[in-house]
Amino acid sequence: MGSLLDAIEKLTTEIKAADGRVLDLIETRYPEALNLQQVAGVGPLISLAFILTIGDQASW
């Protein structure tokens, strides 16, 4: 049981670090993702994924 709790703790730490990297990317390189987060249910990860999938707006 202890090893399971250790694994959960390690994964929780890794998820928090990944969340921080997503927020840093939005703040520094993709601020347009903040606009998408105004839609209910759209958070940092989904907004960044959408921006990265769509790519450069000028190409549209």
N, C-alpha and C. Protein backbone atom coordinates (compact mmCIF):
# COMPACT_ATOMS: atom_id res chain seq x y z
N MET A 1 0.83 -1.20 0.00
CA MET A 1 0.00 0.00 0.00
C MET A 1 0.86 1.25 0.00
N GLY A 2 1.98 1.20 0.70
CA GLY A 2 2.88 2.35 0.77
C GLY A 2 3.45 2.73 -0.59
N SER A 3 3.79 1.73 -1.39
CA SER A 3 4.35 2.02 -2.71
C SER A 3 3.31 2.66 -3.62
N LEU A 4 2.05 2.28 -3.44
CA LEU A 4 0.98 2.89 -4.22
C LEU A 4 0.82 4.36 -3.86
N LEU A 5 0.87 4.65 -2.58
CA LEU A 5 0.77 6.04 -2.13
C LEU A 5 1.97 6.87 -2.62
N ASP A 6 3.14 6.25 -2.62
CA ASP A 6 4.33 6.93 -3.14
C ASP A 6 4.18 7.24 -4.62
N ALA A 7 3.64 6.28 -5.36
CA ALA A 7 3.43 6.49 -6.80
C ALA A 7 2.43 7.61 -7.04
N ILE A 8 1.36 7.63 -6.26
CA ILE A 8 0.35 8.69 -6.40
C ILE A 8 0.97 10.04 -6.08
N GLU A 9 1.77 10.10 -5.04
CA GLU A 9 2.42 11.36 -4.66
C GLU A 9 3.37 11.84 -5.76
N LYS A 10 4.13 10.91 -6.33
CA LYS A 10 5.07 11.26 -7.40
C LYS A 10 4.31 11.77 -8.63
N LEU A 11 3.25 11.07 -9.00
CA LEU A 11 2.47 11.49 -10.17
C LEU A 11 1.79 12.84 -9.94
N THR A 12 1.32 13.06 -8.74
CA THR A 12 0.70 14.36 -8.42
C THR A 12 1.71 15.48 -8.58
N THR A 13 2.92 15.26 -8.13
CA THR A 13 3.99 16.26 -8.28
C THR A 13 4.29 16.52 -9.75
N GLU A 14 4.35 15.46 -10.54
CA GLU A 14 4.63 15.60 -11.97
C GLU A 14 3.50 16.33 -12.69
N ILE A 15 2.26 16.06 -12.31
CA ILE A 15 1.12 16.73 -12.93
C ILE A 15 1.13 18.22 -12.61
N LYS A 16 1.43 18.55 -11.35
CA LYS A 16 1.50 19.96 -10.97
C LYS A 16 2.60 20.68 -11.73
N ALA A 17 3.73 20.02 -11.94
CA ALA A 17 4.83 20.62 -12.71
C ALA A 17 4.41 20.83 -14.17
N ALA A 18 3.72 19.85 -14.74
CA ALA A 18 3.24 19.98 -16.13
C ALA A 18 2.22 21.11 -16.24
N ASP A 19 1.33 21.21 -15.27
CA ASP A 19 0.36 22.31 -15.26
C ASP A 19 1.08 23.66 -15.22
N GLY A 20 2.13 23.74 -14.44
CA GLY A 20 2.92 24.97 -14.36
C GLY A 20 3.57 25.32 -15.69
N ARG A 21 4.06 24.31 -16.39
CA ARG A 21 4.67 24.55 -17.71
C ARG A 21 3.64 25.04 -18.71
N VAL A 22 2.43 24.49 -18.65
CA VAL A 22 1.35 24.94 -19.53
C VAL A 22 1.05 26.41 -19.26
N LEU A 23 0.92 26.77 -17.99
CA LEU A 23 0.64 28.16 -17.63
C LEU A 23 1.77 29.09 -18.07
N ASP A 24 3.01 28.63 -17.93
CA ASP A 24 4.15 29.44 -18.37
C ASP A 24 4.12 29.65 -19.88
N LEU A 25 3.80 28.61 -20.63
CA LEU A 25 3.72 28.75 -22.09
C LEU A 25 2.64 29.74 -22.49
N ILE A 26 1.50 29.68 -21.82
CA ILE A 26 0.43 30.61 -22.13
C ILE A 26 0.86 32.04 -21.82
N GLU A 27 1.50 32.22 -20.69
CA GLU A 27 1.92 33.56 -20.28
C GLU A 27 3.00 34.14 -21.20
N THR A 28 3.94 33.31 -21.62
CA THR A 28 5.09 33.82 -22.36
C THR A 28 4.96 33.76 -23.87
N ARG A 29 4.29 32.73 -24.41
CA ARG A 29 4.29 32.55 -25.86
C ARG A 29 2.92 32.54 -26.52
N TYR A 30 1.89 32.16 -25.78
CA TYR A 30 0.57 32.01 -26.38
C TYR A 30 -0.51 32.70 -25.57
N PRO A 31 -0.40 34.02 -25.39
CA PRO A 31 -1.39 34.73 -24.56
C PRO A 31 -2.80 34.69 -25.14
N GLU A 32 -2.93 34.42 -26.43
CA GLU A 32 -4.26 34.34 -27.03
C GLU A 32 -5.08 33.20 -26.43
N ALA A 33 -4.42 32.25 -25.81
CA ALA A 33 -5.12 31.15 -25.16
C ALA A 33 -5.97 31.66 -23.99
N LEU A 34 -5.59 32.78 -23.42
CA LEU A 34 -6.38 33.36 -22.32
C LEU A 34 -7.78 33.74 -22.78
N ASN A 35 -7.90 34.19 -24.02
CA ASN A 35 -9.22 34.55 -24.55
C ASN A 35 -10.14 33.33 -24.61
N LEU A 36 -9.59 32.20 -24.99
CA LEU A 36 -10.40 30.99 -25.08
C LEU A 36 -10.88 30.51 -23.72
N GLN A 37 -10.13 30.84 -22.68
CA GLN A 37 -10.48 30.39 -21.34
C GLN A 37 -11.69 31.14 -20.78
N GLN A 38 -12.16 32.14 -21.49
CA GLN A 38 -13.37 32.84 -21.06
C GLN A 38 -14.61 32.00 -21.33
N VAL A 39 -14.49 30.98 -22.17
CA VAL A 39 -15.59 30.08 -22.46
C VAL A 39 -15.69 29.07 -21.31
N ALA A 40 -16.90 28.89 -20.81
CA ALA A 40 -17.11 27.95 -19.69
C ALA A 40 -16.61 26.56 -20.06
N GLY A 41 -15.82 25.97 -19.19
CA GLY A 41 -15.32 24.62 -19.40
C GLY A 41 -13.99 24.54 -20.14
N VAL A 42 -13.48 25.68 -20.60
CA VAL A 42 -12.20 25.69 -21.30
C VAL A 42 -11.14 26.22 -20.34
N GLY A 43 -10.20 25.36 -20.02
CA GLY A 43 -9.13 25.74 -19.11
C GLY A 43 -7.82 25.91 -19.86
N PRO A 44 -6.74 26.05 -19.11
CA PRO A 44 -5.44 26.28 -19.73
C PRO A 44 -5.00 25.19 -20.71
N LEU A 45 -5.16 23.94 -20.34
CA LEU A 45 -4.70 22.86 -21.21
C LEU A 45 -5.47 22.81 -22.52
N ILE A 46 -6.78 22.89 -22.45
CA ILE A 46 -7.60 22.84 -23.66
C ILE A 46 -7.34 24.05 -24.55
N SER A 47 -7.25 25.24 -23.94
CA SER A 47 -7.02 26.44 -24.75
C SER A 47 -5.67 26.39 -25.44
N LEU A 48 -4.64 25.93 -24.74
CA LEU A 48 -3.32 25.83 -25.36
C LEU A 48 -3.31 24.77 -26.46
N ALA A 49 -3.94 23.65 -26.21
CA ALA A 49 -4.02 22.59 -27.23
C ALA A 49 -4.71 23.11 -28.49
N PHE A 50 -5.77 23.88 -28.31
CA PHE A 50 -6.49 24.43 -29.45
C PHE A 50 -5.60 25.39 -30.24
N ILE A 51 -4.93 26.29 -29.55
CA ILE A 51 -4.04 27.26 -30.21
C ILE A 51 -2.93 26.54 -30.96
N LEU A 52 -2.35 25.53 -30.35
CA LEU A 52 -1.26 24.80 -31.00
C LEU A 52 -1.76 23.98 -32.19
N THR A 53 -2.98 23.50 -32.11
CA THR A 53 -3.55 22.72 -33.22
C THR A 53 -3.88 23.61 -34.41
N ILE A 54 -4.49 24.76 -34.14
CA ILE A 54 -4.88 25.69 -35.20
C ILE A 54 -3.66 26.31 -35.86
N GLY A 55 -2.66 26.63 -35.08
CA GLY A 55 -1.45 27.23 -35.63
C GLY A 55 -1.58 28.73 -35.82
N ASP A 56 -0.80 29.26 -36.74
CA ASP A 56 -0.74 30.69 -36.99
C ASP A 56 -2.06 31.18 -37.61
N GLN A 57 -2.67 32.17 -36.97
CA GLN A 57 -3.93 32.71 -37.46
C GLN A 57 -3.78 33.38 -38.83
N ALA A 58 -2.61 33.90 -39.10
CA ALA A 58 -2.39 34.60 -40.36
C ALA A 58 -2.50 33.66 -41.57
N SER A 59 -2.27 32.36 -41.34
CA SER A 59 -2.35 31.42 -42.46
C SER A 59 -3.77 31.12 -42.87
N TRP A 60 -4.75 31.58 -42.11
CA TRP A 60 -6.15 31.35 -42.43
C TRP A 60 -6.59 32.45 -43.31
